[in-house]
Amino acid sequence: MEGLCVRFFTHEVMRHQGRPIHDWLFDQAKAQGINGGTAYRAHAGFGRHGLHEDTFFELAGTLPECVEFFAEAERIQALIRVVGEAGLGLAYFTYAVNYGVTGR
C-alpha cells in the first residue's frame, strides 16, 4: 500500500495536557485511524533548541525524541492538522512510503 510517513521531533521532557507528548500523539493518531506509531529516544541532536547529547552531565529529560507514524496520506495529513490546532510547535517531516505486512 502507498501512504505517508510523518516524523515529529520533540524532547522527552515535553508534555501536553499533562501527559508525555508521545502518549498524546499516540492518542491523536489512534483517533485518526492510524494503527500504530513508535517513539525513539535519540543519543544526540541539535536544532532550534541547541545541542543535546547523551552524556554523564546531560540533564534528565532533555534528549531529543522522534515520534513516527505511517498510514494513508489523508490520515497523516489529518494528524498534522490536529497537532497544529493543539498549538504545538513541533518540527516534522513527511515522505512517501510503501508499506505492508510480511507473510500475507
C-alpha atoms as a PDB file:
ATOM      1  CA  MET A   1       0.000   0.000   0.000  1.00  0.00           C
ATOM      2  CA  GLU A   2       1.103   3.567  -0.551  1.00  0.00           C
ATOM      3  CA  GLY A   3       0.964   6.311   2.030  1.00  0.00           C
ATOM      4  CA  LEU A   4       2.950   8.823   4.032  1.00  0.00           C
ATOM      5  CA  CYS A   5       5.268   8.589   6.989  1.00  0.00           C
ATOM      6  CA  VAL A   6       5.461  11.519   9.399  1.00  0.00           C
ATOM      7  CA  ARG A   7       8.180  12.030  11.986  1.00  0.00           C
ATOM      8  CA  PHE A   8       7.670  14.601  14.748  1.00  0.00           C
ATOM      9  CA  PHE A   9      10.695  15.938  16.640  1.00  0.00           C
ATOM     10  CA  THR A  10      10.199  16.521  20.371  1.00  0.00           C
ATOM     11  CA  HIS A  11      12.127  16.356  23.644  1.00  0.00           C
ATOM     12  CA  GLU A  12      11.496  13.586  26.136  1.00  0.00           C
ATOM     13  CA  VAL A  13      10.544  16.171  28.793  1.00  0.00           C
ATOM     14  CA  MET A  14       7.754  17.689  26.638  1.00  0.00           C
ATOM     15  CA  ARG A  15       4.224  17.324  27.883  1.00  0.00           C
ATOM     16  CA  HIS A  16       0.813  18.295  26.522  1.00  0.00           C
ATOM     17  CA  GLN A  17      -2.360  18.305  28.588  1.00  0.00           C
ATOM     18  CA  GLY A  18      -0.312  16.925  31.499  1.00  0.00           C
ATOM     19  CA  ARG A  19       0.908  13.861  29.589  1.00  0.00           C
ATOM     20  CA  PRO A  20       4.156  12.936  27.850  1.00  0.00           C
ATOM     21  CA  ILE A  21       3.971  14.293  24.309  1.00  0.00           C
ATOM     22  CA  HIS A  22       4.442  10.869  22.716  1.00  0.00           C
ATOM     23  CA  ASP A  23       1.430   9.491  24.637  1.00  0.00           C
ATOM     24  CA  TRP A  24      -0.691  12.429  23.494  1.00  0.00           C
ATOM     25  CA  LEU A  25       0.471  11.929  19.887  1.00  0.00           C
ATOM     26  CA  PHE A  26      -0.333   8.211  20.080  1.00  0.00           C
ATOM     27  CA  ASP A  27      -3.900   9.005  21.188  1.00  0.00           C
ATOM     28  CA  GLN A  28      -4.339  11.568  18.413  1.00  0.00           C
ATOM     29  CA  ALA A  29      -3.044   9.079  15.832  1.00  0.00           C
ATOM     30  CA  LYS A  30      -5.490   6.420  17.084  1.00  0.00           C
ATOM     31  CA  ALA A  31      -8.321   8.947  16.765  1.00  0.00           C
ATOM     32  CA  GLN A  32      -7.345   9.449  13.098  1.00  0.00           C
ATOM     33  CA  GLY A  33      -7.438   5.687  12.456  1.00  0.00           C
ATOM     34  CA  ILE A  34      -3.668   5.236  12.377  1.00  0.00           C
ATOM     35  CA  ASN A  35      -2.854   1.713  13.563  1.00  0.00           C
ATOM     36  CA  GLY A  36       0.478   2.316  15.285  1.00  0.00           C
ATOM     37  CA  GLY A  37       3.427   4.543  15.956  1.00  0.00           C
ATOM     38  CA  THR A  38       6.866   4.491  17.512  1.00  0.00           C
ATOM     39  CA  ALA A  39       8.768   6.872  19.788  1.00  0.00           C
ATOM     40  CA  TYR A  40      12.564   6.887  19.510  1.00  0.00           C
ATOM     41  CA  ARG A  41      14.910   8.447  22.063  1.00  0.00           C
ATOM     42  CA  ALA A  42      17.980   9.932  20.404  1.00  0.00           C
ATOM     43  CA  HIS A  43      21.564   9.812  21.705  1.00  0.00           C
ATOM     44  CA  ALA A  44      22.215  13.315  20.445  1.00  0.00           C
ATOM     45  CA  GLY A  45      20.631  16.039  18.386  1.00  0.00           C
ATOM     46  CA  PHE A  46      20.792  19.706  17.564  1.00  0.00           C
ATOM     47  CA  GLY A  47      18.319  22.165  16.164  1.00  0.00           C
ATOM     48  CA  ARG A  48      16.431  25.269  17.169  1.00  0.00           C
ATOM     49  CA  HIS A  49      16.811  24.343  20.860  1.00  0.00           C
ATOM     50  CA  GLY A  50      20.584  23.868  20.657  1.00  0.00           C
ATOM     51  CA  LEU A  51      22.732  20.775  21.121  1.00  0.00           C
ATOM     52  CA  HIS A  52      21.674  17.932  23.406  1.00  0.00           C
ATOM     53  CA  GLU A  53      23.817  14.841  23.926  1.00  0.00           C
ATOM     54  CA  ASP A  54      23.547  11.692  26.000  1.00  0.00           C
ATOM     55  CA  THR A  55      26.469  12.320  28.359  1.00  0.00           C
ATOM     56  CA  PHE A  56      27.021  11.905  32.067  1.00  0.00           C
ATOM     57  CA  PHE A  57      26.308  15.605  32.640  1.00  0.00           C
ATOM     58  CA  GLU A  58      23.211  15.898  30.444  1.00  0.00           C
ATOM     59  CA  LEU A  59      20.147  16.932  32.389  1.00  0.00           C
ATOM     60  CA  ALA A  60      17.460  14.268  32.550  1.00  0.00           C
ATOM     61  CA  GLY A  61      14.623  14.704  30.121  1.00  0.00           C
ATOM     62  CA  THR A  62      16.359  16.993  27.643  1.00  0.00           C
ATOM     63  CA  LEU A  63      17.272  14.435  24.984  1.00  0.00           C
ATOM     64  CA  PRO A  64      15.582  14.579  21.582  1.00  0.00           C
ATOM     65  CA  GLU A  65      12.781  12.178  20.813  1.00  0.00           C
ATOM     66  CA  CYS A  66      11.202  11.292  17.468  1.00  0.00           C
ATOM     67  CA  VAL A  67       7.643  10.049  17.173  1.00  0.00           C
ATOM     68  CA  GLU A  68       6.806   8.379  13.870  1.00  0.00           C
ATOM     69  CA  PHE A  69       3.637   7.152  12.146  1.00  0.00           C
ATOM     70  CA  PHE A  70       2.735   5.848   8.700  1.00  0.00           C
ATOM     71  CA  ALA A  71      -0.665   5.419   7.082  1.00  0.00           C
ATOM     72  CA  GLU A  72      -2.755   6.638   4.179  1.00  0.00           C
ATOM     73  CA  ALA A  73      -1.847  10.223   3.228  1.00  0.00           C
ATOM     74  CA  GLU A  74      -5.230  11.595   4.343  1.00  0.00           C
ATOM     75  CA  ARG A  75      -4.839  10.181   7.859  1.00  0.00           C
ATOM     76  CA  ILE A  76      -1.305  11.553   8.233  1.00  0.00           C
ATOM     77  CA  GLN A  77      -2.375  14.985   6.975  1.00  0.00           C
ATOM     78  CA  ALA A  78      -5.289  14.971   9.439  1.00  0.00           C
ATOM     79  CA  LEU A  79      -2.893  14.133  12.283  1.00  0.00           C
ATOM     80  CA  ILE A  80      -0.596  17.020  11.328  1.00  0.00           C
ATOM     81  CA  ARG A  81      -3.618  19.359  11.326  1.00  0.00           C
ATOM     82  CA  VAL A  82      -4.696  18.182  14.808  1.00  0.00           C
ATOM     83  CA  VAL A  83      -1.192  18.737  16.189  1.00  0.00           C
ATOM     84  CA  GLY A  84      -1.120  22.256  14.728  1.00  0.00           C
ATOM     85  CA  GLU A  85      -4.596  23.076  16.033  1.00  0.00           C
ATOM     86  CA  ALA A  86      -3.471  21.987  19.524  1.00  0.00           C
ATOM     87  CA  GLY A  87      -0.943  24.835  19.440  1.00  0.00           C
ATOM     88  CA  LEU A  88       2.118  22.595  19.438  1.00  0.00           C
ATOM     89  CA  GLY A  89       5.105  23.937  17.521  1.00  0.00           C
ATOM     90  CA  LEU A  90       6.615  20.575  16.617  1.00  0.00           C
ATOM     91  CA  ALA A  91       9.062  20.252  13.750  1.00  0.00           C
ATOM     92  CA  TYR A  92       8.158  17.369  11.441  1.00  0.00           C
ATOM     93  CA  PHE A  93       8.768  15.909   8.032  1.00  0.00           C
ATOM     94  CA  THR A  94       6.823  13.565   5.789  1.00  0.00           C
ATOM     95  CA  TYR A  95       7.842  11.258   2.989  1.00  0.00           C
ATOM     96  CA  ALA A  96       6.092   8.807   0.697  1.00  0.00           C
ATOM     97  CA  VAL A  97       6.246   5.148   1.732  1.00  0.00           C
ATOM     98  CA  ASN A  98       5.115   1.757   0.512  1.00  0.00           C
ATOM     99  CA  TYR A  99       4.061  -0.476   3.382  1.00  0.00           C
ATOM    100  CA  GLY A 100       2.531  -3.819   4.151  1.00  0.00           C
ATOM    101  CA  VAL A 101       2.768  -6.878   6.381  1.00  0.00           C
ATOM    102  CA  THR A 102       5.003  -9.828   5.555  1.00  0.00           C
ATOM    103  CA  GLY A 103       3.641 -13.360   5.422  1.00  0.00           C
ATOM    104  CA  ARG A 104       0.238 -12.482   3.983  1.00  0.00           C
END
